Amino acid sequence: MFVLVAALLLLGVLMGSVAHVPAPVSLVAAALIGVWLLVFAARERHSRRTTRRS
């Protein structure tokens, strides 16, 4: 329960800060997070394929 409350509080703080920065800054941050997630997904997929072979 405490984890859920903390997550919602953190989400509210982060979304509130996004509302106060200029749109280009928000878009750049969103793009960087998206690229980071794509790299993470590719690394995870690659590591799972290589561990199955050995």
PDB file of N, CA and C in Angstrom:
ATOM      1  N   MET A   1       0.824  -1.199   0.000  1.00  0.00           N
ATOM      2  CA  MET A   1       0.000   0.000   0.000  1.00  0.00           C
ATOM      3  C   MET A   1       0.862   1.256   0.000  1.00  0.00           C
ATOM      4  N   PHE A   2       1.916   1.218   0.826  1.00  0.00           N
ATOM      5  CA  PHE A   2       2.807   2.375   0.878  1.00  0.00           C
ATOM      6  C   PHE A   2       3.538   2.591  -0.448  1.00  0.00           C
ATOM      7  N   VAL A   3       3.875   1.491  -1.127  1.00  0.00           N
ATOM      8  CA  VAL A   3       4.551   1.609  -2.427  1.00  0.00           C
ATOM      9  C   VAL A   3       3.623   2.285  -3.430  1.00  0.00           C
ATOM     10  N   LEU A   4       2.357   1.915  -3.418  1.00  0.00           N
ATOM     11  CA  LEU A   4       1.390   2.525  -4.328  1.00  0.00           C
ATOM     12  C   LEU A   4       1.236   4.015  -4.046  1.00  0.00           C
ATOM     13  N   VAL A   5       1.157   4.380  -2.798  1.00  0.00           N
ATOM     14  CA  VAL A   5       1.038   5.798  -2.429  1.00  0.00           C
ATOM     15  C   VAL A   5       2.287   6.563  -2.849  1.00  0.00           C
ATOM     16  N   ALA A   6       3.456   5.977  -2.614  1.00  0.00           N
ATOM     17  CA  ALA A   6       4.702   6.639  -3.007  1.00  0.00           C
ATOM     18  C   ALA A   6       4.791   6.796  -4.521  1.00  0.00           C
ATOM     19  N   ALA A   7       4.377   5.769  -5.263  1.00  0.00           N
ATOM     20  CA  ALA A   7       4.414   5.841  -6.721  1.00  0.00           C
ATOM     21  C   ALA A   7       3.466   6.920  -7.239  1.00  0.00           C
ATOM     22  N   LEU A   8       2.286   6.996  -6.684  1.00  0.00           N
ATOM     23  CA  LEU A   8       1.336   8.019  -7.118  1.00  0.00           C
ATOM     24  C   LEU A   8       1.820   9.421  -6.764  1.00  0.00           C
ATOM     25  N   LEU A   9       2.438   9.558  -5.601  1.00  0.00           N
ATOM     26  CA  LEU A   9       2.987  10.851  -5.202  1.00  0.00           C
ATOM     27  C   LEU A   9       4.114  11.269  -6.136  1.00  0.00           C
ATOM     28  N   LEU A  10       5.004  10.349  -6.443  1.00  0.00           N
ATOM     29  CA  LEU A  10       6.107  10.648  -7.351  1.00  0.00           C
ATOM     30  C   LEU A  10       5.588  10.992  -8.751  1.00  0.00           C
ATOM     31  N   LEU A  11       4.602  10.255  -9.221  1.00  0.00           N
ATOM     32  CA  LEU A  11       4.016  10.536 -10.533  1.00  0.00           C
ATOM     33  C   LEU A  11       3.385  11.920 -10.556  1.00  0.00           C
ATOM     34  N   GLY A  12       2.708  12.285  -9.488  1.00  0.00           N
ATOM     35  CA  GLY A  12       2.101  13.611  -9.419  1.00  0.00           C
ATOM     36  C   GLY A  12       3.140  14.714  -9.432  1.00  0.00           C
ATOM     37  N   VAL A  13       4.238  14.519  -8.736  1.00  0.00           N
ATOM     38  CA  VAL A  13       5.307  15.517  -8.720  1.00  0.00           C
ATOM     39  C   VAL A  13       5.938  15.639 -10.102  1.00  0.00           C
ATOM     40  N   LEU A  14       6.203  14.506 -10.737  1.00  0.00           N
ATOM     41  CA  LEU A  14       6.827  14.543 -12.058  1.00  0.00           C
ATOM     42  C   LEU A  14       5.903  15.152 -13.104  1.00  0.00           C
ATOM     43  N   MET A  15       4.648  14.783 -13.087  1.00  0.00           N
ATOM     44  CA  MET A  15       3.710  15.335 -14.069  1.00  0.00           C
ATOM     45  C   MET A  15       3.480  16.819 -13.816  1.00  0.00           C
ATOM     46  N   GLY A  16       3.512  17.224 -12.562  1.00  0.00           N
ATOM     47  CA  GLY A  16       3.369  18.637 -12.248  1.00  0.00           C
ATOM     48  C   GLY A  16       4.540  19.450 -12.755  1.00  0.00           C
ATOM     49  N   SER A  17       5.739  18.879 -12.675  1.00  0.00           N
ATOM     50  CA  SER A  17       6.912  19.614 -13.160  1.00  0.00           C
ATOM     51  C   SER A  17       6.912  19.695 -14.681  1.00  0.00           C
ATOM     52  N   VAL A  18       6.398  18.684 -15.348  1.00  0.00           N
ATOM     53  CA  VAL A  18       6.330  18.716 -16.813  1.00  0.00           C
ATOM     54  C   VAL A  18       5.389  19.825 -17.274  1.00  0.00           C
ATOM     55  N   ALA A  19       4.378  20.109 -16.511  1.00  0.00           N
ATOM     56  CA  ALA A  19       3.426  21.147 -16.892  1.00  0.00           C
ATOM     57  C   ALA A  19       4.049  22.542 -16.829  1.00  0.00           C
ATOM     58  N   HIS A  20       5.149  22.692 -16.112  1.00  0.00           N
ATOM     59  CA  HIS A  20       5.750  24.012 -15.933  1.00  0.00           C
ATOM     60  C   HIS A  20       6.979  24.256 -16.796  1.00  0.00           C
ATOM     61  N   VAL A  21       7.449  23.257 -17.512  1.00  0.00           N
ATOM     62  CA  VAL A  21       8.595  23.462 -18.403  1.00  0.00           C
ATOM     63  C   VAL A  21       8.074  23.664 -19.824  1.00  0.00           C
ATOM     64  N   PRO A  22       8.868  24.298 -20.681  1.00  0.00           N
ATOM     65  CA  PRO A  22       8.431  24.500 -22.065  1.00  0.00           C
ATOM     66  C   PRO A  22       8.225  23.173 -22.806  1.00  0.00           C
ATOM     67  N   ALA A  23       7.358  23.209 -23.789  1.00  0.00           N
ATOM     68  CA  ALA A  23       7.025  21.995 -24.547  1.00  0.00           C
ATOM     69  C   ALA A  23       8.246  21.354 -25.209  1.00  0.00           C
ATOM     70  N   PRO A  24       9.161  22.118 -25.818  1.00  0.00           N
ATOM     71  CA  PRO A  24      10.331  21.461 -26.427  1.00  0.00           C
ATOM     72  C   PRO A  24      11.182  20.685 -25.424  1.00  0.00           C
ATOM     73  N   VAL A  25      11.297  21.196 -24.216  1.00  0.00           N
ATOM     74  CA  VAL A  25      12.058  20.486 -23.188  1.00  0.00           C
ATOM     75  C   VAL A  25      11.374  19.176 -22.835  1.00  0.00           C
ATOM     76  N   SER A  26      10.062  19.211 -22.723  1.00  0.00           N
ATOM     77  CA  SER A  26       9.305  17.992 -22.429  1.00  0.00           C
ATOM     78  C   SER A  26       9.439  16.981 -23.559  1.00  0.00           C
ATOM     79  N   LEU A  27       9.389  17.445 -24.798  1.00  0.00           N
ATOM     80  CA  LEU A  27       9.511  16.539 -25.938  1.00  0.00           C
ATOM     81  C   LEU A  27      10.898  15.919 -26.018  1.00  0.00           C
ATOM     82  N   VAL A  28      11.931  16.694 -25.746  1.00  0.00           N
ATOM     83  CA  VAL A  28      13.293  16.155 -25.752  1.00  0.00           C
ATOM     84  C   VAL A  28      13.454  15.118 -24.642  1.00  0.00           C
ATOM     85  N   ALA A  29      12.936  15.420 -23.470  1.00  0.00           N
ATOM     86  CA  ALA A  29      13.011  14.460 -22.364  1.00  0.00           C
ATOM     87  C   ALA A  29      12.254  13.183 -22.701  1.00  0.00           C
ATOM     88  N   ALA A  30      11.085  13.315 -23.302  1.00  0.00           N
ATOM     89  CA  ALA A  30      10.301  12.144 -23.688  1.00  0.00           C
ATOM     90  C   ALA A  30      11.035  11.315 -24.743  1.00  0.00           C
ATOM     91  N   ALA A  31      11.672  11.986 -25.686  1.00  0.00           N
ATOM     92  CA  ALA A  31      12.431  11.274 -26.718  1.00  0.00           C
ATOM     93  C   ALA A  31      13.619  10.534 -26.106  1.00  0.00           C
ATOM     94  N   LEU A  32      14.316  11.164 -25.177  1.00  0.00           N
ATOM     95  CA  LEU A  32      15.448  10.508 -24.525  1.00  0.00           C
ATOM     96  C   LEU A  32      15.001   9.286 -23.729  1.00  0.00           C
ATOM     97  N   ILE A  33      13.898   9.405 -23.038  1.00  0.00           N
ATOM     98  CA  ILE A  33      13.376   8.263 -22.282  1.00  0.00           C
ATOM     99  C   ILE A  33      12.962   7.144 -23.236  1.00  0.00           C
ATOM    100  N   GLY A  34      12.343   7.502 -24.355  1.00  0.00           N
ATOM    101  CA  GLY A  34      11.948   6.501 -25.340  1.00  0.00           C
ATOM    102  C   GLY A  34      13.140   5.765 -25.932  1.00  0.00           C
ATOM    103  N   VAL A  35      14.193   6.498 -26.249  1.00  0.00           N
ATOM    104  CA  VAL A  35      15.409   5.869 -26.779  1.00  0.00           C
ATOM    105  C   VAL A  35      16.026   4.952 -25.732  1.00  0.00           C
ATOM    106  N   TRP A  36      16.063   5.424 -24.493  1.00  0.00           N
ATOM    107  CA  TRP A  36      16.617   4.602 -23.410  1.00  0.00           C
ATOM    108  C   TRP A  36      15.829   3.301 -23.268  1.00  0.00           C
ATOM    109  N   LEU A  37      14.503   3.382 -23.351  1.00  0.00           N
ATOM    110  CA  LEU A  37      13.677   2.182 -23.240  1.00  0.00           C
ATOM    111  C   LEU A  37      13.892   1.234 -24.421  1.00  0.00           C
ATOM    112  N   LEU A  38      14.071   1.781 -25.616  1.00  0.00           N
ATOM    113  CA  LEU A  38      14.339   0.932 -26.779  1.00  0.00           C
ATOM    114  C   LEU A  38      15.690   0.227 -26.649  1.00  0.00           C
ATOM    115  N   VAL A  39      16.696   0.938 -26.190  1.00  0.00           N
ATOM    116  CA  VAL A  39      18.015   0.324 -25.983  1.00  0.00           C
ATOM    117  C   VAL A  39      17.930  -0.764 -24.918  1.00  0.00           C
ATOM    118  N   PHE A  40      17.220  -0.481 -23.843  1.00  0.00           N
ATOM    119  CA  PHE A  40      17.057  -1.470 -22.778  1.00  0.00           C
ATOM    120  C   PHE A  40      16.352  -2.716 -23.310  1.00  0.00           C
ATOM    121  N   ALA A  41      15.282  -2.531 -24.084  1.00  0.00           N
ATOM    122  CA  ALA A  41      14.541  -3.676 -24.625  1.00  0.00           C
ATOM    123  C   ALA A  41      15.410  -4.492 -25.579  1.00  0.00           C
ATOM    124  N   ALA A  42      16.200  -3.811 -26.409  1.00  0.00           N
ATOM    125  CA  ALA A  42      17.076  -4.518 -27.337  1.00  0.00           C
ATOM    126  C   ALA A  42      18.145  -5.307 -26.585  1.00  0.00           C
ATOM    127  N   ARG A  43      18.720  -4.718 -25.547  1.00  0.00           N
ATOM    128  CA  ARG A  43      19.738  -5.426 -24.760  1.00  0.00           C
ATOM    129  C   ARG A  43      19.136  -6.631 -24.042  1.00  0.00           C
ATOM    130  N   GLU A  44      17.947  -6.481 -23.502  1.00  0.00           N
ATOM    131  CA  GLU A  44      17.292  -7.604 -22.834  1.00  0.00           C
ATOM    132  C   GLU A  44      16.984  -8.729 -23.815  1.00  0.00           C
ATOM    133  N   ARG A  45      16.497  -8.363 -24.975  1.00  0.00           N
ATOM    134  CA  ARG A  45      16.165  -9.378 -25.977  1.00  0.00           C
ATOM    135  C   ARG A  45      17.418 -10.096 -26.439  1.00  0.00           C
ATOM    136  N   HIS A  46      18.489  -9.321 -26.644  1.00  0.00           N
ATOM    137  CA  HIS A  46      19.750  -9.921 -27.079  1.00  0.00           C
ATOM    138  C   HIS A  46      20.318 -10.841 -25.997  1.00  0.00           C
ATOM    139  N   SER A  47      20.255 -10.426 -24.745  1.00  0.00           N
ATOM    140  CA  SER A  47      20.806 -11.255 -23.665  1.00  0.00           C
ATOM    141  C   SER A  47      19.992 -12.530 -23.486  1.00  0.00           C
ATOM    142  N   ARG A  48      18.705 -12.478 -23.688  1.00  0.00           N
ATOM    143  CA  ARG A  48      17.891 -13.697 -23.564  1.00  0.00           C
ATOM    144  C   ARG A  48      18.169 -14.664 -24.694  1.00  0.00           C
ATOM    145  N   ARG A  49      18.424 -14.143 -25.888  1.00  0.00           N
ATOM    146  CA  ARG A  49      18.750 -15.037 -27.018  1.00  0.00           C
ATOM    147  C   ARG A  49      20.111 -15.677 -26.840  1.00  0.00           C
ATOM    148  N   THR A  50      21.070 -14.934 -26.325  1.00  0.00           N
ATOM    149  CA  THR A  50      22.413 -15.498 -26.162  1.00  0.00           C
ATOM    150  C   THR A  50      22.487 -16.479 -25.006  1.00  0.00           C
ATOM    151  N   THR A  51      21.685 -16.320 -23.969  1.00  0.00           N
ATOM    152  CA  THR A  51      21.730 -17.256 -22.845  1.00  0.00           C
ATOM    153  C   THR A  51      21.039 -18.559 -23.177  1.00  0.00           C
ATOM    154  N   ARG A  52      20.103 -18.559 -24.087  1.00  0.00           N
ATOM    155  CA  ARG A  52      19.431 -19.803 -24.469  1.00  0.00           C
ATOM    156  C   ARG A  52      20.361 -20.729 -25.251  1.00  0.00           C
ATOM    157  N   ARG A  53      21.254 -20.154 -26.048  1.00  0.00           N
ATOM    158  CA  ARG A  53      22.135 -20.948 -26.894  1.00  0.00           C
ATOM    159  C   ARG A  53      23.205 -21.665 -26.087  1.00  0.00           C
ATOM    160  N   SER A  54      23.633 -21.106 -25.005  1.00  0.00           N
ATOM    161  CA  SER A  54      24.751 -21.706 -24.256  1.00  0.00           C
ATOM    162  C   SER A  54      24.308 -22.657 -23.194  1.00  0.00           C
TER     163      SER A  54
END
